[in-house]
Amino acid sequence: MHTELPIKDKSGGKAPMKIAPFKSSIRRTEAHRHNGYFELIYLTAGEGVHIIDDRQYTFAPLTLFVIRKDQVHCWDLTTPGEAMCGSSEKSWWTR
């Protein structure tokens, strides 16, 4: 059975690169993919599991995740997270 996954687009369509803090209120997200951009997440606080393409990654502070365009991922944090998130279009990486 195929279900449609939500597609998130945080790029705003204005700049090829965006950096913003991770929302500290996030504890669990539904599986989703990002539309047309890469995402870098550097966690400085928090613990839990990040599931990327059906593979579970247990994480602790000082972990870096790189999410490629169209990868499916979701979060399950057991303690509040703090992080910086960078998102960029593919064109930014191939200049």
Protein backbone atom coordinates (compact mmCIF):
# COMPACT_ATOMS: atom_id res chain seq x y z
CA MET A 1 0.00 0.00 0.00
CA HIS A 2 1.46 3.35 -1.04
CA THR A 3 0.64 6.42 1.01
CA GLU A 4 1.47 9.99 0.12
CA LEU A 5 4.07 11.51 2.42
CA PRO A 6 3.90 15.15 3.37
CA ILE A 7 6.44 17.29 1.54
CA LYS A 8 7.94 20.16 3.51
CA ASP A 9 9.46 23.19 1.83
CA LYS A 10 11.34 25.46 4.23
CA SER A 11 13.45 27.06 1.51
CA GLY A 12 11.16 30.05 1.07
CA GLY A 13 12.32 30.23 -2.54
CA LYS A 14 14.41 33.35 -1.87
CA ALA A 15 17.97 32.42 -0.92
CA PRO A 16 19.95 29.36 -2.01
CA MET A 17 20.96 28.74 1.66
CA LYS A 18 18.99 29.24 4.88
CA ILE A 19 20.10 28.70 8.51
CA ALA A 20 17.65 28.69 11.42
CA PRO A 21 17.39 27.24 14.92
CA PHE A 22 15.67 23.90 15.42
CA LYS A 23 12.24 24.37 16.99
CA SER A 24 12.73 23.32 20.63
CA SER A 25 9.06 22.32 20.86
CA ILE A 26 9.60 19.46 18.38
CA ARG A 27 9.66 16.05 20.03
CA ARG A 28 8.15 13.81 17.36
CA THR A 29 7.41 14.33 13.68
CA GLU A 30 5.58 12.28 11.11
CA ALA A 31 7.62 10.80 8.26
CA HIS A 32 8.11 13.43 5.56
CA ARG A 33 10.45 14.50 2.79
CA HIS A 34 11.78 17.88 1.72
CA ASN A 35 11.07 19.38 -1.65
CA GLY A 36 14.16 20.08 -3.72
CA TYR A 37 16.75 20.89 -1.06
CA PHE A 38 19.32 19.39 1.29
CA GLU A 39 19.13 19.83 5.06
CA LEU A 40 21.97 19.87 7.60
CA ILE A 41 21.03 19.51 11.27
CA TYR A 42 23.67 19.99 13.99
CA LEU A 43 22.25 18.97 17.38
CA THR A 44 23.86 20.53 20.44
CA ALA A 45 21.36 19.17 22.99
CA GLY A 46 18.76 16.43 23.16
CA GLU A 47 18.62 12.70 22.68
CA GLY A 48 16.42 10.35 20.74
CA VAL A 49 16.05 8.62 17.41
CA HIS A 50 16.15 10.06 13.90
CA ILE A 51 14.74 7.69 11.29
CA ILE A 52 16.05 8.27 7.77
CA ASP A 53 14.84 6.03 4.93
CA ASP A 54 13.64 3.36 7.42
CA ARG A 55 17.00 3.27 9.25
CA GLN A 56 17.12 4.31 12.91
CA TYR A 57 19.95 6.51 14.20
CA THR A 58 20.21 7.01 17.96
CA PHE A 59 21.69 10.41 18.67
CA ALA A 60 23.06 12.50 21.51
CA PRO A 61 24.44 16.06 21.63
CA LEU A 62 27.03 17.05 19.02
CA THR A 63 25.53 15.00 16.20
CA LEU A 64 25.35 16.15 12.58
CA PHE A 65 22.73 14.82 10.17
CA VAL A 66 22.75 15.41 6.42
CA ILE A 67 19.38 14.86 4.76
CA ARG A 68 19.44 14.62 0.97
CA LYS A 69 16.66 15.87 -1.26
CA ASP A 70 13.66 13.53 -1.15
CA GLN A 71 14.95 11.33 1.70
CA VAL A 72 12.16 10.30 4.05
CA HIS A 73 12.83 11.09 7.69
CA CYS A 74 11.20 11.70 11.07
CA TRP A 75 12.20 12.51 14.65
CA ASP A 76 11.46 10.95 18.04
CA LEU A 77 13.25 12.96 20.73
CA THR A 78 13.28 11.68 24.31
CA THR A 79 14.73 14.94 25.70
CA PRO A 80 14.33 18.50 24.38
CA GLY A 81 16.53 19.24 21.39
CA GLU A 82 18.60 22.26 20.48
CA ALA A 83 20.13 22.49 17.04
CA MET A 84 20.90 24.64 14.05
CA CYS A 85 19.38 23.66 10.72
CA GLY A 86 20.73 24.65 7.37
CA SER A 87 18.86 24.06 4.16
CA SER A 88 20.13 24.60 0.66
CA GLU A 89 19.15 24.01 -2.90
CA LYS A 90 21.19 21.53 -4.92
CA SER A 91 22.48 24.41 -7.06
CA TRP A 92 24.29 25.83 -4.00
CA TRP A 93 26.38 22.63 -3.68
CA THR A 94 27.19 22.34 -7.39
CA ARG A 95 28.56 25.83 -8.06
